[in-house]
Amino acid sequence: MSDPTRGAQPAPTPVVFADPAPLGLSGFALTTLLLSIINTGLLKETGAIFTVLGLAAFYGGLAQFVAGLFEFRRGNTFGATAFGSFGAFWLAYWWIVPHLSAAGDVHNAVGLFLLGWGIFTAFMTIAALRTSGAVLAVFVLLTVTFVLLAIGEFQNGHPSPDTLTKIGGWFGIATGLVAWYAAAATVVNETHKRPLLPTWPLR
């Protein structure tokens, strides 16, 4: 009797992709933190914005966009949309900011830009209700941040210059810190193969 397994090809080893979420969250967190510190007025150095632009191009922008592409490969629609979009946001920020000083009065245009991102973040917050408490907190705080910054731009300094921008900066700091925690929790839990840092899954 012949062996039916003789000559059979071994089953292919499945390709395993690392979770790109910590990379995306970390790039978002650090870039958001630095810009938000500037928005609060805590950091007043005139050249600080160039540090933000460097992060916006390479870490918040490019690295986060790449994380979004890997989320597509993993079949994660939420992660792909979030990281791809916010990576593009930071790349757009990197491009727009150096041209603002030569563009004249653009407060309403910048306000619309920020409001549009606030709307996007708001409907992504609804989707985040099925992720984890840590990720949901990031999106709730970010939505508030965008709305405050947008209104601050629309006011154009009236009646209280920079007040809403500074408040938005503080919400941005909170957003960045929570995003950093979510990234840290994912990396630490994956490395130790057990939940050392809670993320409060909502599924």
N, C-alpha and C. Protein backbone atom coordinates (compact mmCIF):
# COMPACT_ATOMS: atom_id res chain seq x y z
N MET A 1 0.86 -1.19 0.00
CA MET A 1 0.00 0.00 0.00
C MET A 1 0.89 1.23 0.00
N SER A 2 0.58 2.18 -0.85
CA SER A 2 1.38 3.39 -0.93
C SER A 2 1.03 4.36 0.18
N ASP A 3 2.02 5.13 0.58
CA ASP A 3 1.82 6.14 1.64
C ASP A 3 1.21 7.38 1.00
N PRO A 4 -0.04 7.77 1.39
CA PRO A 4 -0.69 8.94 0.75
C PRO A 4 0.01 10.24 1.07
N THR A 5 0.83 10.27 2.13
CA THR A 5 1.52 11.52 2.49
C THR A 5 2.87 11.66 1.78
N ARG A 6 3.26 10.56 1.09
CA ARG A 6 4.57 10.57 0.45
C ARG A 6 4.59 11.57 -0.72
N GLY A 7 5.57 12.45 -0.70
CA GLY A 7 5.69 13.45 -1.76
C GLY A 7 4.82 14.68 -1.54
N ALA A 8 4.03 14.68 -0.46
CA ALA A 8 3.18 15.85 -0.20
C ALA A 8 4.03 17.03 0.25
N GLN A 9 3.62 18.23 -0.20
CA GLN A 9 4.33 19.45 0.17
C GLN A 9 3.96 19.87 1.58
N PRO A 10 4.91 20.32 2.40
CA PRO A 10 4.57 20.80 3.75
C PRO A 10 3.71 22.05 3.68
N ALA A 11 2.85 22.19 4.66
CA ALA A 11 1.97 23.37 4.70
C ALA A 11 2.82 24.63 4.86
N PRO A 12 2.49 25.66 4.10
CA PRO A 12 3.28 26.90 4.19
C PRO A 12 3.13 27.54 5.57
N THR A 13 4.21 28.10 6.05
CA THR A 13 4.19 28.79 7.33
C THR A 13 3.50 30.14 7.16
N PRO A 14 2.46 30.42 7.93
CA PRO A 14 1.77 31.70 7.78
C PRO A 14 2.67 32.88 8.13
N VAL A 15 2.52 33.96 7.37
CA VAL A 15 3.30 35.16 7.63
C VAL A 15 2.66 35.93 8.79
N VAL A 16 3.45 36.24 9.80
CA VAL A 16 2.94 36.96 10.97
C VAL A 16 3.49 38.38 10.94
N PHE A 17 2.58 39.35 10.99
CA PHE A 17 2.98 40.76 11.01
C PHE A 17 2.88 41.29 12.43
N ALA A 18 3.87 42.06 12.82
CA ALA A 18 3.82 42.71 14.14
C ALA A 18 2.70 43.73 14.16
N ASP A 19 2.20 44.01 15.34
CA ASP A 19 1.14 45.00 15.51
C ASP A 19 1.70 46.40 15.24
N PRO A 20 1.20 47.10 14.22
CA PRO A 20 1.74 48.43 13.91
C PRO A 20 1.15 49.54 14.78
N ALA A 21 0.15 49.22 15.61
CA ALA A 21 -0.53 50.25 16.39
C ALA A 21 0.40 51.04 17.31
N PRO A 22 1.34 50.38 18.05
CA PRO A 22 2.23 51.18 18.92
C PRO A 22 3.07 52.19 18.15
N LEU A 23 3.52 51.83 16.95
CA LEU A 23 4.27 52.78 16.14
C LEU A 23 3.41 53.97 15.77
N GLY A 24 2.20 53.69 15.29
CA GLY A 24 1.31 54.78 14.91
C GLY A 24 0.94 55.66 16.09
N LEU A 25 0.61 55.04 17.22
CA LEU A 25 0.24 55.81 18.41
C LEU A 25 1.40 56.62 18.95
N SER A 26 2.61 56.06 18.90
CA SER A 26 3.78 56.78 19.41
C SER A 26 4.11 57.99 18.54
N GLY A 27 4.06 57.81 17.22
CA GLY A 27 4.30 58.94 16.33
C GLY A 27 3.28 60.03 16.52
N PHE A 28 2.02 59.64 16.68
CA PHE A 28 0.97 60.62 16.93
C PHE A 28 1.17 61.31 18.26
N ALA A 29 1.51 60.52 19.30
CA ALA A 29 1.61 61.05 20.66
C ALA A 29 2.70 62.10 20.80
N LEU A 30 3.91 61.78 20.35
CA LEU A 30 5.02 62.70 20.55
C LEU A 30 4.83 64.00 19.76
N THR A 31 4.37 63.89 18.53
CA THR A 31 4.16 65.08 17.71
C THR A 31 3.05 65.95 18.30
N THR A 32 1.97 65.32 18.75
CA THR A 32 0.87 66.06 19.37
C THR A 32 1.31 66.74 20.66
N LEU A 33 2.10 66.04 21.47
CA LEU A 33 2.57 66.61 22.73
C LEU A 33 3.40 67.87 22.51
N LEU A 34 4.34 67.80 21.60
CA LEU A 34 5.22 68.95 21.39
C LEU A 34 4.45 70.15 20.84
N LEU A 35 3.58 69.92 19.86
CA LEU A 35 2.80 71.03 19.32
C LEU A 35 1.87 71.60 20.38
N SER A 36 1.28 70.74 21.19
CA SER A 36 0.34 71.20 22.22
C SER A 36 1.05 72.01 23.30
N ILE A 37 2.26 71.63 23.63
CA ILE A 37 3.04 72.42 24.61
C ILE A 37 3.28 73.83 24.07
N ILE A 38 3.54 73.92 22.78
CA ILE A 38 3.70 75.25 22.15
C ILE A 38 2.38 76.01 22.19
N ASN A 39 1.26 75.32 21.91
CA ASN A 39 -0.05 75.98 21.90
C ASN A 39 -0.43 76.53 23.28
N THR A 40 0.01 75.86 24.34
CA THR A 40 -0.32 76.35 25.68
C THR A 40 0.50 77.57 26.07
N GLY A 41 1.60 77.82 25.36
CA GLY A 41 2.49 78.92 25.71
C GLY A 41 3.57 78.53 26.68
N LEU A 42 3.63 77.24 27.05
CA LEU A 42 4.67 76.80 27.97
C LEU A 42 6.05 76.86 27.34
N LEU A 43 6.10 76.66 26.04
CA LEU A 43 7.36 76.72 25.30
C LEU A 43 7.28 77.89 24.33
N LYS A 44 8.09 78.92 24.57
CA LYS A 44 7.98 80.16 23.81
C LYS A 44 9.14 80.39 22.84
N GLU A 45 10.03 79.44 22.72
CA GLU A 45 11.16 79.60 21.79
C GLU A 45 10.64 79.69 20.35
N THR A 46 11.11 80.69 19.63
CA THR A 46 10.58 80.93 18.28
C THR A 46 10.92 79.80 17.32
N GLY A 47 12.00 79.10 17.57
CA GLY A 47 12.39 78.02 16.66
C GLY A 47 11.79 76.67 17.00
N ALA A 48 10.97 76.61 18.06
CA ALA A 48 10.42 75.32 18.49
C ALA A 48 9.55 74.69 17.42
N ILE A 49 8.89 75.52 16.61
CA ILE A 49 7.98 75.00 15.60
C ILE A 49 8.71 74.13 14.59
N PHE A 50 10.00 74.38 14.37
CA PHE A 50 10.75 73.58 13.41
C PHE A 50 10.98 72.16 13.93
N THR A 51 11.06 72.01 15.25
CA THR A 51 11.13 70.67 15.83
C THR A 51 9.83 69.92 15.57
N VAL A 52 8.71 70.63 15.72
CA VAL A 52 7.41 70.02 15.44
C VAL A 52 7.32 69.62 13.97
N LEU A 53 7.81 70.49 13.08
CA LEU A 53 7.73 70.19 11.65
C LEU A 53 8.55 68.95 11.30
N GLY A 54 9.72 68.80 11.95
CA GLY A 54 10.50 67.60 11.71
C GLY A 54 9.77 66.34 12.14
N LEU A 55 9.16 66.38 13.33
CA LEU A 55 8.37 65.24 13.80
C LEU A 55 7.16 65.01 12.91
N ALA A 56 6.51 66.11 12.49
CA ALA A 56 5.31 66.00 11.66
C ALA A 56 5.61 65.30 10.34
N ALA A 57 6.78 65.55 9.79
CA ALA A 57 7.13 64.95 8.51
C ALA A 57 7.49 63.47 8.65
N PHE A 58 8.31 63.14 9.65
CA PHE A 58 8.91 61.81 9.67
C PHE A 58 8.30 60.84 10.68
N TYR A 59 7.86 61.33 11.83
CA TYR A 59 7.34 60.42 12.87
C TYR A 59 5.82 60.45 12.92
N GLY A 60 5.26 61.64 13.16
CA GLY A 60 3.81 61.75 13.15
C GLY A 60 3.23 61.52 11.77
N GLY A 61 3.98 61.87 10.72
CA GLY A 61 3.47 61.74 9.37
C GLY A 61 3.85 60.43 8.71
N LEU A 62 5.11 60.30 8.30
CA LEU A 62 5.52 59.15 7.51
C LEU A 62 5.40 57.84 8.28
N ALA A 63 5.94 57.79 9.50
CA ALA A 63 5.89 56.54 10.28
C ALA A 63 4.45 56.14 10.59
N GLN A 64 3.61 57.10 10.90
CA GLN A 64 2.22 56.78 11.20
C GLN A 64 1.48 56.32 9.95
N PHE A 65 1.79 56.93 8.81
CA PHE A 65 1.16 56.52 7.56
C PHE A 65 1.56 55.08 7.21
N VAL A 66 2.81 54.74 7.42
CA VAL A 66 3.27 53.37 7.19
C VAL A 66 2.54 52.40 8.11
N ALA A 67 2.33 52.80 9.37
CA ALA A 67 1.56 51.97 10.30
C ALA A 67 0.16 51.73 9.76
N GLY A 68 -0.43 52.76 9.17
CA GLY A 68 -1.74 52.60 8.57
C GLY A 68 -1.74 51.59 7.43
N LEU A 69 -0.71 51.60 6.62
CA LEU A 69 -0.61 50.63 5.52
C LEU A 69 -0.52 49.20 6.04
N PHE A 70 0.22 49.00 7.12
CA PHE A 70 0.30 47.66 7.70
C PHE A 70 -1.01 47.25 8.36
N GLU A 71 -1.77 48.21 8.85
CA GLU A 71 -3.10 47.88 9.38
C GLU A 71 -4.02 47.41 8.25
N PHE A 72 -3.87 47.99 7.05
CA PHE A 72 -4.60 47.48 5.89
C PHE A 72 -4.25 46.01 5.66
N ARG A 73 -2.96 45.69 5.73
CA ARG A 73 -2.51 44.32 5.48
C ARG A 73 -3.07 43.37 6.52
N ARG A 74 -3.24 43.84 7.73
CA ARG A 74 -3.77 42.99 8.81
C ARG A 74 -5.29 42.92 8.80
N GLY A 75 -5.93 43.67 7.91
CA GLY A 75 -7.38 43.65 7.82
C GLY A 75 -8.09 44.49 8.86
N ASN A 76 -7.39 45.46 9.44
CA ASN A 76 -7.96 46.32 10.47
C ASN A 76 -8.41 47.64 9.85
N THR A 77 -9.69 47.73 9.52
CA THR A 77 -10.21 48.93 8.85
C THR A 77 -10.08 50.16 9.73
N PHE A 78 -10.38 50.04 11.00
CA PHE A 78 -10.29 51.18 11.91
C PHE A 78 -8.86 51.69 12.00
N GLY A 79 -7.91 50.79 12.27
CA GLY A 79 -6.51 51.20 12.40
C GLY A 79 -5.97 51.79 11.11
N ALA A 80 -6.32 51.19 9.98
CA ALA A 80 -5.84 51.70 8.69
C ALA A 80 -6.37 53.09 8.43
N THR A 81 -7.65 53.31 8.70
CA THR A 81 -8.25 54.63 8.47
C THR A 81 -7.67 55.66 9.42
N ALA A 82 -7.53 55.29 10.69
CA ALA A 82 -7.03 56.25 11.70
C ALA A 82 -5.58 56.63 11.42
N PHE A 83 -4.69 55.64 11.33
CA PHE A 83 -3.27 55.94 11.17
C PHE A 83 -2.97 56.53 9.79
N GLY A 84 -3.64 56.02 8.75
CA GLY A 84 -3.44 56.60 7.43
C GLY A 84 -3.88 58.05 7.37
N SER A 85 -5.01 58.35 7.99
CA SER A 85 -5.55 59.72 7.96
C SER A 85 -4.71 60.67 8.80
N PHE A 86 -4.38 60.27 10.03
CA PHE A 86 -3.62 61.19 10.88
C PHE A 86 -2.16 61.30 10.44
N GLY A 87 -1.64 60.26 9.79
CA GLY A 87 -0.34 60.40 9.17
C GLY A 87 -0.39 61.46 8.08
N ALA A 88 -1.46 61.44 7.27
CA ALA A 88 -1.64 62.45 6.23
C ALA A 88 -1.87 63.83 6.84
N PHE A 89 -2.56 63.89 7.99
CA PHE A 89 -2.76 65.17 8.67
C PHE A 89 -1.44 65.82 9.01
N TRP A 90 -0.52 65.04 9.59
CA TRP A 90 0.76 65.62 9.98
C TRP A 90 1.62 65.98 8.78
N LEU A 91 1.52 65.22 7.72
CA LEU A 91 2.23 65.59 6.50
C LEU A 91 1.67 66.89 5.92
N ALA A 92 0.34 67.03 5.97
CA ALA A 92 -0.27 68.28 5.51
C ALA A 92 0.15 69.45 6.39
N TYR A 93 0.21 69.22 7.70
CA TYR A 93 0.66 70.26 8.63
C TYR A 93 2.08 70.69 8.31
N TRP A 94 2.95 69.70 8.07
CA TRP A 94 4.35 69.98 7.72
C TRP A 94 4.44 70.86 6.47
N TRP A 95 3.53 70.65 5.53
CA TRP A 95 3.55 71.43 4.29
C TRP A 95 2.93 72.82 4.47
N ILE A 96 1.85 72.90 5.23
CA ILE A 96 1.08 74.14 5.32
C ILE A 96 1.78 75.20 6.16
N VAL A 97 2.27 74.82 7.34
CA VAL A 97 2.76 75.81 8.31
C VAL A 97 3.84 76.74 7.76
N PRO A 98 4.85 76.24 7.05
CA PRO A 98 5.88 77.18 6.56
C PRO A 98 5.36 78.23 5.59
N HIS A 99 4.18 77.99 4.99
CA HIS A 99 3.64 78.93 4.01
C HIS A 99 2.63 79.91 4.61
N LEU A 100 2.28 79.71 5.89
CA LEU A 100 1.23 80.55 6.48
C LEU A 100 1.67 82.00 6.63
N SER A 101 2.91 82.23 7.03
CA SER A 101 3.36 83.60 7.29
C SER A 101 3.31 84.46 6.04
N ALA A 102 3.48 83.82 4.88
CA ALA A 102 3.46 84.59 3.63
C ALA A 102 2.07 84.64 3.00
N ALA A 103 1.10 83.97 3.62
CA ALA A 103 -0.23 83.88 3.00
C ALA A 103 -1.20 84.95 3.47
N GLY A 104 -0.81 85.76 4.45
CA GLY A 104 -1.72 86.80 4.95
C GLY A 104 -2.69 86.24 5.97
N ASP A 105 -3.89 86.78 5.99
CA ASP A 105 -4.91 86.37 6.95
C ASP A 105 -5.55 85.05 6.51
N VAL A 106 -5.25 83.98 7.23
CA VAL A 106 -5.77 82.66 6.87
C VAL A 106 -6.45 81.99 8.07
N HIS A 107 -6.87 82.81 9.05
CA HIS A 107 -7.45 82.22 10.26
C HIS A 107 -8.68 81.39 9.97
N ASN A 108 -9.57 81.88 9.12
CA ASN A 108 -10.79 81.12 8.81
C ASN A 108 -10.47 79.85 8.04
N ALA A 109 -9.50 79.92 7.14
CA ALA A 109 -9.11 78.73 6.38
C ALA A 109 -8.53 77.67 7.30
N VAL A 110 -7.66 78.10 8.22
CA VAL A 110 -7.08 77.16 9.17
C VAL A 110 -8.16 76.62 10.10
N GLY A 111 -9.11 77.48 10.47
CA GLY A 111 -10.23 77.04 11.30
C GLY A 111 -11.05 75.95 10.62
N LEU A 112 -11.31 76.12 9.32
CA LEU A 112 -12.05 75.10 8.57
C LEU A 112 -11.25 73.80 8.48
N PHE A 113 -9.95 73.93 8.28
CA PHE A 113 -9.06 72.77 8.24
C PHE A 113 -9.16 71.97 9.55
N LEU A 114 -9.08 72.68 10.68
CA LEU A 114 -9.14 72.02 11.98
C LEU A 114 -10.53 71.47 12.27
N LEU A 115 -11.56 72.22 11.87
CA LEU A 115 -12.93 71.75 12.10
C LEU A 115 -13.20 70.48 11.30
N GLY A 116 -12.71 70.42 10.07
CA GLY A 116 -12.88 69.21 9.27
C GLY A 116 -12.26 68.00 9.94
N TRP A 117 -11.08 68.18 10.51
CA TRP A 117 -10.44 67.08 11.23
C TRP A 117 -11.19 66.75 12.51
N GLY A 118 -11.81 67.77 13.12
CA GLY A 118 -12.63 67.50 14.29
C GLY A 118 -13.83 66.64 13.95
N ILE A 119 -14.46 66.90 12.81
CA ILE A 119 -15.61 66.09 12.38
C ILE A 119 -15.16 64.66 12.09
N PHE A 120 -14.05 64.52 11.39
CA PHE A 120 -13.52 63.19 11.11
C PHE A 120 -13.25 62.44 12.42
N THR A 121 -12.60 63.10 13.37
CA THR A 121 -12.27 62.46 14.63
C THR A 121 -13.52 62.08 15.41
N ALA A 122 -14.57 62.90 15.29
CA ALA A 122 -15.82 62.62 16.01
C ALA A 122 -16.45 61.32 15.51
N PHE A 123 -16.50 61.11 14.18
CA PHE A 123 -17.14 59.86 13.74
C PHE A 123 -16.21 58.66 13.95
N MET A 124 -14.90 58.91 14.00
CA MET A 124 -13.99 57.82 14.36
C MET A 124 -14.14 57.46 15.84
N THR A 125 -14.55 58.44 16.65
CA THR A 125 -14.80 58.18 18.07
C THR A 125 -15.93 57.17 18.24
N ILE A 126 -16.95 57.28 17.38
CA ILE A 126 -18.06 56.31 17.43
C ILE A 126 -17.54 54.91 17.13
N ALA A 127 -16.66 54.80 16.12
CA ALA A 127 -16.08 53.50 15.81
C ALA A 127 -15.19 53.01 16.95
N ALA A 128 -14.52 53.94 17.65
CA ALA A 128 -13.62 53.56 18.74
C ALA A 128 -14.35 52.96 19.93
N LEU A 129 -15.67 53.08 19.96
CA LEU A 129 -16.45 52.47 21.03
C LEU A 129 -16.32 50.95 21.03
N ARG A 130 -15.80 50.38 19.93
CA ARG A 130 -15.63 48.94 19.85
C ARG A 130 -14.14 48.54 19.90
N THR A 131 -13.29 49.43 20.39
CA THR A 131 -11.86 49.10 20.47
C THR A 131 -11.45 48.88 21.92
N SER A 132 -10.95 49.92 22.57
CA SER A 132 -10.56 49.81 23.98
C SER A 132 -10.79 51.15 24.66
N GLY A 133 -10.83 51.14 25.98
CA GLY A 133 -11.03 52.38 26.71
C GLY A 133 -9.90 53.36 26.48
N ALA A 134 -8.66 52.86 26.35
CA ALA A 134 -7.51 53.74 26.12
C ALA A 134 -7.61 54.44 24.78
N VAL A 135 -7.92 53.68 23.73
CA VAL A 135 -8.05 54.27 22.39
C VAL A 135 -9.26 55.21 22.33
N LEU A 136 -10.36 54.83 22.96
CA LEU A 136 -11.54 55.69 22.98
C LEU A 136 -11.22 57.03 23.64
N ALA A 137 -10.47 57.00 24.75
CA ALA A 137 -10.11 58.24 25.44
C ALA A 137 -9.28 59.15 24.53
N VAL A 138 -8.38 58.56 23.73
CA VAL A 138 -7.59 59.35 22.79
C VAL A 138 -8.49 60.09 21.82
N PHE A 139 -9.48 59.41 21.27
CA PHE A 139 -10.34 60.03 20.26
C PHE A 139 -11.29 61.06 20.86
N VAL A 140 -11.78 60.81 22.06
CA VAL A 140 -12.64 61.80 22.72
C VAL A 140 -11.85 63.08 22.98
N LEU A 141 -10.66 62.94 23.56
CA LEU A 141 -9.84 64.11 23.86
C LEU A 141 -9.41 64.83 22.59
N LEU A 142 -9.09 64.08 21.55
CA LEU A 142 -8.65 64.70 20.30
C LEU A 142 -9.78 65.46 19.62
N THR A 143 -10.98 64.94 19.70
CA THR A 143 -12.13 65.65 19.13
C THR A 143 -12.31 67.01 19.80
N VAL A 144 -12.24 67.03 21.12
CA VAL A 144 -12.37 68.29 21.86
C VAL A 144 -11.22 69.23 21.49
N THR A 145 -10.02 68.68 21.36
CA THR A 145 -8.86 69.50 21.00
C THR A 145 -9.06 70.19 19.67
N PHE A 146 -9.47 69.44 18.65
CA PHE A 146 -9.68 70.02 17.32
C PHE A 146 -10.75 71.11 17.34
N VAL A 147 -11.84 70.86 18.06
CA VAL A 147 -12.94 71.84 18.10
C VAL A 147 -12.47 73.13 18.76
N LEU A 148 -11.76 73.01 19.88
CA LEU A 148 -11.27 74.21 20.57
C LEU A 148 -10.29 74.99 19.71
N LEU A 149 -9.37 74.30 19.06
CA LEU A 149 -8.40 74.98 18.20
C LEU A 149 -9.08 75.63 17.00
N ALA A 150 -10.10 74.97 16.46
CA ALA A 150 -10.82 75.54 15.32
C ALA A 150 -11.54 76.81 15.72
N ILE A 151 -12.25 76.78 16.86
CA ILE A 151 -12.96 77.98 17.32
C ILE A 151 -11.97 79.10 17.60
N GLY A 152 -10.82 78.74 18.18
CA GLY A 152 -9.80 79.75 18.43
C GLY A 152 -9.35 80.43 17.15
N GLU A 153 -9.22 79.67 16.06
CA GLU A 153 -8.85 80.27 14.78
C GLU A 153 -9.98 81.14 14.22
N PHE A 154 -11.22 80.68 14.34
CA PHE A 154 -12.36 81.45 13.84
C PHE A 154 -12.49 82.79 14.57
N GLN A 155 -12.20 82.80 15.86
CA GLN A 155 -12.30 84.03 16.64
C GLN A 155 -11.23 85.04 16.24
N ASN A 156 -10.10 84.53 15.76
CA ASN A 156 -9.02 85.40 15.30
C ASN A 156 -8.63 86.44 16.36
N GLY A 157 -8.59 85.98 17.61
CA GLY A 157 -8.16 86.89 18.67
C GLY A 157 -9.26 87.70 19.31
N HIS A 158 -10.53 87.47 18.96
CA HIS A 158 -11.63 88.24 19.54
C HIS A 158 -12.60 87.29 20.24
N PRO A 159 -13.04 87.61 21.45
CA PRO A 159 -12.67 88.77 22.25
C PRO A 159 -11.46 88.52 23.15
N SER A 160 -11.01 87.26 23.24
CA SER A 160 -9.92 86.95 24.16
C SER A 160 -8.81 86.24 23.38
N PRO A 161 -7.73 86.94 23.05
CA PRO A 161 -6.69 86.37 22.20
C PRO A 161 -6.09 85.09 22.78
N ASP A 162 -6.06 84.06 21.96
CA ASP A 162 -5.33 82.82 22.25
C ASP A 162 -5.91 81.98 23.38
N THR A 163 -7.00 82.42 24.02
CA THR A 163 -7.51 81.67 25.16
C THR A 163 -7.90 80.25 24.77
N LEU A 164 -8.72 80.10 23.73
CA LEU A 164 -9.17 78.77 23.33
C LEU A 164 -8.03 77.95 22.74
N THR A 165 -7.09 78.60 22.09
CA THR A 165 -5.93 77.87 21.58
C THR A 165 -5.12 77.28 22.73
N LYS A 166 -4.96 78.07 23.81
CA LYS A 166 -4.23 77.56 24.97
C LYS A 166 -4.99 76.41 25.64
N ILE A 167 -6.31 76.55 25.77
CA ILE A 167 -7.09 75.46 26.35
C ILE A 167 -7.00 74.22 25.46
N GLY A 168 -7.09 74.44 24.15
CA GLY A 168 -6.93 73.33 23.22
C GLY A 168 -5.56 72.68 23.36
N GLY A 169 -4.55 73.49 23.64
CA GLY A 169 -3.22 72.95 23.86
C GLY A 169 -3.17 72.00 25.05
N TRP A 170 -3.86 72.37 26.13
CA TRP A 170 -3.89 71.49 27.31
C TRP A 170 -4.62 70.19 27.02
N PHE A 171 -5.72 70.29 26.26
CA PHE A 171 -6.40 69.05 25.86
C PHE A 171 -5.50 68.22 24.94
N GLY A 172 -4.72 68.90 24.11
CA GLY A 172 -3.79 68.19 23.25
C GLY A 172 -2.72 67.46 24.03
N ILE A 173 -2.23 68.08 25.10
CA ILE A 173 -1.25 67.41 25.97
C ILE A 173 -1.86 66.14 26.56
N ALA A 174 -3.10 66.26 27.05
CA ALA A 174 -3.77 65.08 27.60
C ALA A 174 -3.94 64.00 26.53
N THR A 175 -4.28 64.42 25.31
CA THR A 175 -4.44 63.47 24.20
C THR A 175 -3.14 62.73 23.93
N GLY A 176 -2.04 63.47 23.85
CA GLY A 176 -0.76 62.86 23.58
C GLY A 176 -0.33 61.89 24.67
N LEU A 177 -0.55 62.26 25.92
CA LEU A 177 -0.17 61.39 27.03
C LEU A 177 -0.97 60.10 27.03
N VAL A 178 -2.27 60.19 26.78
CA VAL A 178 -3.10 58.99 26.74
C VAL A 178 -2.70 58.11 25.55
N ALA A 179 -2.39 58.73 24.41
CA ALA A 179 -1.94 57.96 23.24
C ALA A 179 -0.63 57.25 23.53
N TRP A 180 0.27 57.93 24.23
CA TRP A 180 1.54 57.30 24.61
C TRP A 180 1.31 56.12 25.55
N TYR A 181 0.36 56.27 26.48
CA TYR A 181 0.04 55.16 27.38
C TYR A 181 -0.49 53.97 26.58
N ALA A 182 -1.40 54.24 25.64
CA ALA A 182 -1.96 53.15 24.84
C ALA A 182 -0.87 52.44 24.05
N ALA A 183 0.09 53.20 23.52
CA ALA A 183 1.21 52.60 22.79
C ALA A 183 2.07 51.76 23.73
N ALA A 184 2.40 52.33 24.90
CA ALA A 184 3.24 51.62 25.87
C ALA A 184 2.57 50.34 26.34
N ALA A 185 1.26 50.41 26.60
CA ALA A 185 0.54 49.23 27.08
C ALA A 185 0.58 48.12 26.04
N THR A 186 0.41 48.48 24.77
CA THR A 186 0.41 47.47 23.72
C THR A 186 1.77 46.79 23.60
N VAL A 187 2.85 47.59 23.63
CA VAL A 187 4.21 47.04 23.51
C VAL A 187 4.56 46.19 24.74
N VAL A 188 4.31 46.72 25.92
CA VAL A 188 4.66 46.01 27.14
C VAL A 188 3.88 44.70 27.26
N ASN A 189 2.58 44.76 26.98
CA ASN A 189 1.75 43.55 27.09
C ASN A 189 2.17 42.50 26.06
N GLU A 190 2.50 42.96 24.86
CA GLU A 190 2.93 42.02 23.82
C GLU A 190 4.27 41.39 24.17
N THR A 191 5.19 42.19 24.68
CA THR A 191 6.53 41.69 25.01
C THR A 191 6.48 40.69 26.17
N HIS A 192 5.66 40.99 27.16
CA HIS A 192 5.58 40.11 28.34
C HIS A 192 4.53 39.02 28.20
N LYS A 193 3.77 39.06 27.10
CA LYS A 193 2.76 38.02 26.82
C LYS A 193 1.68 37.93 27.90
N ARG A 194 1.45 39.05 28.55
CA ARG A 194 0.36 39.11 29.53
C ARG A 194 0.01 40.57 29.78
N PRO A 195 -1.21 40.85 30.21
CA PRO A 195 -1.66 42.25 30.35
C PRO A 195 -1.13 42.92 31.61
N LEU A 196 0.08 43.46 31.54
CA LEU A 196 0.64 44.20 32.67
C LEU A 196 0.02 45.59 32.79
N LEU A 197 -0.26 46.22 31.66
CA LEU A 197 -0.88 47.55 31.65
C LEU A 197 -2.27 47.43 31.02
N PRO A 198 -3.30 47.77 31.75
CA PRO A 198 -4.67 47.59 31.21
C PRO A 198 -4.99 48.58 30.10
N THR A 199 -5.74 48.11 29.11
CA THR A 199 -6.25 49.01 28.04
C THR A 199 -7.76 49.05 28.04
N TRP A 200 -8.40 48.22 28.86
CA TRP A 200 -9.86 48.19 29.02
C TRP A 200 -10.57 47.92 27.70
N PRO A 201 -10.44 46.69 27.17
CA PRO A 201 -11.11 46.33 25.91
C PRO A 201 -12.61 46.54 26.01
N LEU A 202 -13.19 47.03 24.91
CA LEU A 202 -14.63 47.33 24.88
C LEU A 202 -15.42 46.34 24.03
N ARG A 203 -14.75 45.38 23.40
CA ARG A 203 -15.45 44.43 22.54
C ARG A 203 -16.18 43.40 23.38
